[in-house]
Amino acid sequence: MAQMMVNFYSHTLGHGVDIAVTIPSLSSCDGKDGQPVSHKVEHKYPVLYMLHGHGNDYRCWLRYTGVERLAEEQRMAIVTFNSENKAYNNCAGDDRYEDFLAYELPEFITSMFPVSDRPEDTYIAGLSMGGYGTLAHAFKYPHRYCAYGAMSPAPSLRKRPHFAGLDFDPIEPIEEAAARIREGVKLPKGYICCGRQDFLYESVCKFVEELKALGEDFEWRDVDGFEHEWRFWDLELPRFFAWLPRTDYYADKPHKI
């Protein structure tokens, strides 16, 4: 993978923001059969926006999991960014992380890199606070994403003490899902997982039942023996990548590295 650490000025946030952009590229396995190789990109890549958890930053997905290898093998671009602890919502002042993720970041990525802007090639996933952000954005902006992956998500922030001091009215995922369904809008395909020993497990199970009651069909995995931990999320990633619904040029063209 070609991995770029980028800092750019965000007109939405009013300050510079750090992101990591990981783009499929040549590996040492390419060209060994005598065929010519090139860095020219003939087809734009699908993209997965990955949201970090509370207390994490944009590097954690890359540091603690095998997502870079999986993305290279599956020919998919990965984008991570710093949302601080603002839960991907619009907070007081310039902390408009909802608008940044929904509008400015994808515009920047698809304008600057060989990344598709088609909703059917766009995915979102996150863990913990990022799992909440994934559900919130997938349900509030369903036209932007083909599918989502929520790992050990906080289904709601209304009773979460970490966010009590923030001046904002948080997006409520189940309310957004219900609103879209009433409007006749199809939600993105979903993958939700949680360890059975996770402190969020009971609230995630309740959310899953509420989502099922709305008539939604999605992949649900509860796995025994895991708490709120990177080992679990790293083990779930290969399943998530294999599950992702894809129609892009690279969907049936895995890459060896």
Protein backbone atom coordinates (compact mmCIF):
# COMPACT_ATOMS: atom_id res chain seq x y z
CA MET A 1 0.00 0.00 0.00
CA ALA A 2 0.98 3.58 -0.53
CA GLN A 3 0.29 5.27 2.78
CA MET A 4 0.13 9.05 3.09
CA MET A 5 -0.15 11.07 6.27
CA VAL A 6 -1.86 14.28 5.26
CA ASN A 7 -2.58 17.53 7.02
CA PHE A 8 -4.85 20.01 5.30
CA TYR A 9 -6.91 23.05 6.21
CA SER A 10 -10.56 22.23 6.78
CA HIS A 11 -12.94 25.06 5.99
CA THR A 12 -15.62 23.17 7.95
CA LEU A 13 -13.59 22.87 11.14
CA GLY A 14 -11.68 26.11 10.76
CA HIS A 15 -8.29 24.49 11.39
CA GLY A 16 -5.86 21.89 10.08
CA VAL A 17 -6.82 18.23 10.37
CA ASP A 18 -4.72 15.06 10.26
CA ILE A 19 -5.78 12.16 8.06
CA ALA A 20 -4.20 8.97 6.76
CA VAL A 21 -4.92 7.89 3.20
CA THR A 22 -3.96 4.36 2.22
CA ILE A 23 -4.09 3.58 -1.50
CA PRO A 24 -3.52 0.18 -3.18
CA SER A 25 -0.23 0.10 -5.06
CA LEU A 26 2.44 -2.25 -6.42
CA SER A 27 3.89 -4.98 -4.23
CA SER A 28 7.01 -7.13 -4.49
CA CYS A 29 4.81 -9.86 -6.01
CA ASP A 30 4.06 -7.72 -9.08
CA GLY A 31 6.12 -8.10 -12.23
CA LYS A 32 7.66 -11.45 -11.32
CA ASP A 33 6.06 -13.14 -14.32
CA GLY A 34 7.81 -10.77 -16.70
CA GLN A 35 4.74 -8.63 -17.28
CA PRO A 36 5.27 -4.86 -17.32
CA VAL A 37 4.24 -2.95 -14.19
CA SER A 38 3.11 0.62 -13.77
CA HIS A 39 1.89 2.97 -11.08
CA LYS A 40 -0.80 4.31 -13.40
CA VAL A 41 -4.29 3.77 -11.96
CA GLU A 42 -6.71 2.71 -14.69
CA HIS A 43 -9.80 2.49 -12.46
CA LYS A 44 -10.66 4.44 -9.34
CA TYR A 45 -10.63 2.51 -6.07
CA PRO A 46 -13.54 1.87 -3.72
CA VAL A 47 -13.05 3.53 -0.35
CA LEU A 48 -13.65 2.65 3.30
CA TYR A 49 -13.83 5.48 5.84
CA MET A 50 -12.75 4.10 9.22
CA LEU A 51 -13.75 5.90 12.42
CA HIS A 52 -11.70 5.67 15.62
CA GLY A 53 -12.99 5.29 19.17
CA HIS A 54 -12.99 7.60 22.18
CA GLY A 55 -9.42 8.35 23.26
CA ASN A 56 -8.00 7.07 19.95
CA ASP A 57 -6.73 8.90 16.89
CA TYR A 58 -6.49 8.40 13.13
CA ARG A 59 -3.48 6.07 13.42
CA CYS A 60 -4.99 3.44 15.72
CA TRP A 61 -6.71 1.36 13.04
CA LEU A 62 -3.39 1.17 11.18
CA ARG A 63 -1.31 0.44 14.29
CA TYR A 64 -3.41 -2.19 16.05
CA THR A 65 -5.02 -4.17 13.19
CA GLY A 66 -4.16 -5.80 9.87
CA VAL A 67 -6.44 -3.47 7.94
CA GLU A 68 -3.65 -2.22 5.66
CA ARG A 69 -2.84 -5.74 4.44
CA LEU A 70 -6.52 -6.60 4.01
CA ALA A 71 -7.19 -3.43 2.04
CA GLU A 72 -4.21 -4.10 -0.25
CA GLU A 73 -5.34 -7.66 -0.87
CA GLN A 74 -8.89 -6.47 -1.59
CA ARG A 75 -7.80 -3.37 -3.59
CA MET A 76 -9.60 -0.84 -1.46
CA ALA A 77 -8.57 2.63 -0.28
CA ILE A 78 -8.70 3.38 3.45
CA VAL A 79 -9.23 6.82 5.00
CA THR A 80 -8.87 7.59 8.70
CA PHE A 81 -8.99 11.00 10.39
CA ASN A 82 -8.93 12.69 13.76
CA SER A 83 -12.35 13.46 15.22
CA GLU A 84 -10.94 14.09 18.71
CA ASN A 85 -13.59 12.88 21.20
CA LYS A 86 -16.43 14.74 19.48
CA ALA A 87 -18.27 11.60 18.30
CA TYR A 88 -18.61 12.68 14.66
CA ASN A 89 -21.30 15.20 15.59
CA ASN A 90 -21.57 18.94 15.16
CA CYS A 91 -20.52 20.44 18.50
CA ALA A 92 -20.37 24.05 19.66
CA GLY A 93 -18.13 26.47 17.80
CA ASP A 94 -16.10 25.15 14.88
CA ASP A 95 -16.18 21.49 15.94
CA ARG A 96 -18.53 20.48 13.11
CA TYR A 97 -17.30 16.92 12.68
CA GLU A 98 -20.64 15.71 11.35
CA ASP A 99 -20.43 18.11 8.42
CA PHE A 100 -16.74 17.36 7.95
CA LEU A 101 -17.34 13.61 7.55
CA ALA A 102 -20.55 13.95 5.57
CA TYR A 103 -19.38 16.58 3.09
CA GLU A 104 -15.86 18.00 3.17
CA LEU A 105 -13.74 14.88 3.74
CA PRO A 106 -15.20 12.80 0.87
CA GLU A 107 -14.94 15.80 -1.44
CA PHE A 108 -11.27 16.23 -0.52
CA ILE A 109 -10.50 12.52 -0.91
CA THR A 110 -12.24 12.00 -4.25
CA SER A 111 -10.75 15.21 -5.64
CA MET A 112 -7.16 14.53 -4.58
CA PHE A 113 -6.79 10.75 -4.92
CA PRO A 114 -7.77 7.98 -7.39
CA VAL A 115 -10.85 7.16 -5.31
CA SER A 116 -14.38 6.62 -6.58
CA ASP A 117 -17.10 9.07 -5.60
CA ARG A 118 -19.87 6.56 -6.36
CA PRO A 119 -22.01 5.68 -3.32
CA GLU A 120 -21.94 2.03 -4.39
CA ASP A 121 -18.13 2.12 -3.95
CA THR A 122 -18.19 3.91 -0.59
CA TYR A 123 -18.20 2.23 2.84
CA ILE A 124 -17.96 3.31 6.46
CA ALA A 125 -16.88 1.40 9.57
CA GLY A 126 -15.87 2.15 13.13
CA LEU A 127 -15.41 0.82 16.63
CA SER A 128 -16.85 2.00 19.94
CA MET A 129 -17.41 5.77 19.54
CA GLY A 130 -16.54 5.23 15.89
CA GLY A 131 -19.11 2.44 15.76
CA TYR A 132 -21.67 4.94 17.01
CA GLY A 133 -20.47 7.43 14.39
CA THR A 134 -20.81 4.74 11.73
CA LEU A 135 -24.43 4.01 12.66
CA ALA A 136 -25.25 7.71 12.97
CA HIS A 137 -23.87 8.62 9.54
CA ALA A 138 -25.01 5.46 7.73
CA PHE A 139 -28.58 6.08 8.88
CA LYS A 140 -28.65 9.87 8.55
CA TYR A 141 -26.86 9.90 5.17
CA PRO A 142 -27.78 6.51 3.65
CA HIS A 143 -27.44 7.81 0.09
CA ARG A 144 -23.69 8.19 0.64
CA TYR A 145 -22.80 4.60 1.58
CA CYS A 146 -23.19 1.12 0.15
CA ALA A 147 -22.60 -0.63 3.49
CA TYR A 148 -21.45 -0.06 7.07
CA GLY A 149 -19.61 -1.97 9.76
CA ALA A 150 -20.26 -1.13 13.43
CA MET A 151 -17.90 -2.93 15.82
CA SER A 152 -18.76 -2.82 19.54
CA PRO A 153 -20.69 0.39 18.90
CA ALA A 154 -22.17 2.73 21.47
CA PRO A 155 -25.77 2.70 20.14
CA SER A 156 -26.57 6.05 21.76
CA LEU A 157 -24.67 8.88 23.44
CA ARG A 158 -27.51 10.28 25.51
CA LYS A 159 -26.49 8.43 28.67
CA ARG A 160 -22.76 8.10 28.03
CA PRO A 161 -20.78 10.01 30.70
CA HIS A 162 -17.81 10.63 28.38
CA PHE A 163 -19.93 13.03 26.32
CA ALA A 164 -21.94 14.74 29.04
CA GLY A 165 -19.82 17.90 28.88
CA LEU A 166 -20.14 18.45 25.13
CA ASP A 167 -22.43 21.24 23.95
CA PHE A 168 -24.36 19.34 21.25
CA ASP A 169 -27.53 17.40 20.50
CA PRO A 170 -26.19 14.01 19.41
CA ILE A 171 -27.49 12.11 16.42
CA GLU A 172 -29.61 9.18 17.63
CA PRO A 173 -29.00 6.24 15.27
CA ILE A 174 -32.21 4.28 15.91
CA GLU A 175 -34.28 7.43 15.45
CA GLU A 176 -32.49 8.21 12.18
CA ALA A 177 -33.05 4.64 10.97
CA ALA A 178 -36.75 4.84 11.80
CA ALA A 179 -37.06 8.19 10.05
CA ARG A 180 -35.43 6.92 6.85
CA ILE A 181 -37.64 3.85 6.82
CA ARG A 182 -40.76 6.02 7.22
CA GLU A 183 -39.52 8.08 4.27
CA GLY A 184 -39.16 4.92 2.19
CA VAL A 185 -35.37 5.27 1.99
CA LYS A 186 -33.31 2.09 1.80
CA LEU A 187 -30.57 1.90 4.44
CA PRO A 188 -27.05 0.69 3.60
CA LYS A 189 -26.29 -2.99 4.20
CA GLY A 190 -25.07 -3.56 7.73
CA TYR A 191 -22.55 -5.58 9.73
CA ILE A 192 -22.70 -5.28 13.52
CA CYS A 193 -20.54 -7.23 15.97
CA CYS A 194 -19.76 -7.18 19.68
CA GLY A 195 -17.97 -9.36 22.23
CA ARG A 196 -20.25 -10.95 24.82
CA GLN A 197 -18.04 -9.72 27.67
CA ASP A 198 -18.01 -6.15 26.34
CA PHE A 199 -19.41 -3.54 28.75
CA LEU A 200 -21.57 -2.32 25.84
CA TYR A 201 -22.95 -5.78 25.02
CA GLU A 202 -26.39 -5.39 26.60
CA SER A 203 -27.01 -2.01 24.99
CA VAL A 204 -25.84 -3.32 21.60
CA CYS A 205 -28.19 -6.33 21.88
CA LYS A 206 -31.09 -3.99 22.67
CA PHE A 207 -30.20 -1.84 19.68
CA VAL A 208 -30.00 -4.91 17.43
CA GLU A 209 -33.50 -5.95 18.49
CA GLU A 210 -34.82 -2.43 17.86
CA LEU A 211 -33.28 -2.42 14.40
CA LYS A 212 -34.77 -5.83 13.63
CA ALA A 213 -38.16 -4.56 14.78
CA LEU A 214 -37.92 -1.88 12.09
CA GLY A 215 -37.66 -4.66 9.52
CA GLU A 216 -33.96 -4.28 8.81
CA ASP A 217 -31.91 -7.29 7.73
CA PHE A 218 -28.21 -7.14 8.62
CA GLU A 219 -25.29 -9.30 9.70
CA TRP A 220 -25.11 -9.63 13.50
CA ARG A 221 -22.26 -11.37 15.30
CA ASP A 222 -21.93 -11.68 19.06
CA VAL A 223 -18.77 -13.54 19.99
CA ASP A 224 -17.99 -15.17 23.31
CA GLY A 225 -14.67 -14.55 25.05
CA PHE A 226 -14.04 -10.93 24.07
CA GLU A 227 -14.34 -7.62 25.85
CA HIS A 228 -13.94 -4.09 24.44
CA GLU A 229 -10.57 -4.82 22.81
CA TRP A 230 -8.46 -4.53 19.69
CA ARG A 231 -7.88 -8.28 19.49
CA PHE A 232 -11.59 -8.78 18.81
CA TRP A 233 -11.83 -6.00 16.25
CA ASP A 234 -8.74 -7.26 14.43
CA LEU A 235 -10.25 -10.76 14.25
CA GLU A 236 -13.52 -9.37 12.88
CA LEU A 237 -11.90 -7.35 10.09
CA PRO A 238 -11.27 -10.27 7.67
CA ARG A 239 -14.90 -11.35 8.07
CA PHE A 240 -16.07 -7.80 7.47
CA PHE A 241 -13.95 -7.39 4.33
CA ALA A 242 -15.15 -10.75 2.98
CA TRP A 243 -18.76 -9.72 3.68
CA LEU A 244 -18.60 -6.31 2.00
CA PRO A 245 -20.95 -6.07 -1.00
CA ARG A 246 -18.91 -4.87 -3.97
CA THR A 247 -19.55 -4.12 -7.63
CA ASP A 248 -16.36 -2.17 -8.43
CA TYR A 249 -13.74 -3.15 -11.04
CA TYR A 250 -11.46 -4.70 -8.41
CA ALA A 251 -14.13 -6.75 -6.66
CA ASP A 252 -13.01 -10.04 -8.24
CA LYS A 253 -9.34 -9.12 -8.61
CA PRO A 254 -7.55 -9.82 -5.29
CA HIS A 255 -3.95 -8.71 -5.02
CA LYS A 256 -1.04 -10.66 -3.55
CA ILE A 257 1.46 -8.83 -1.38
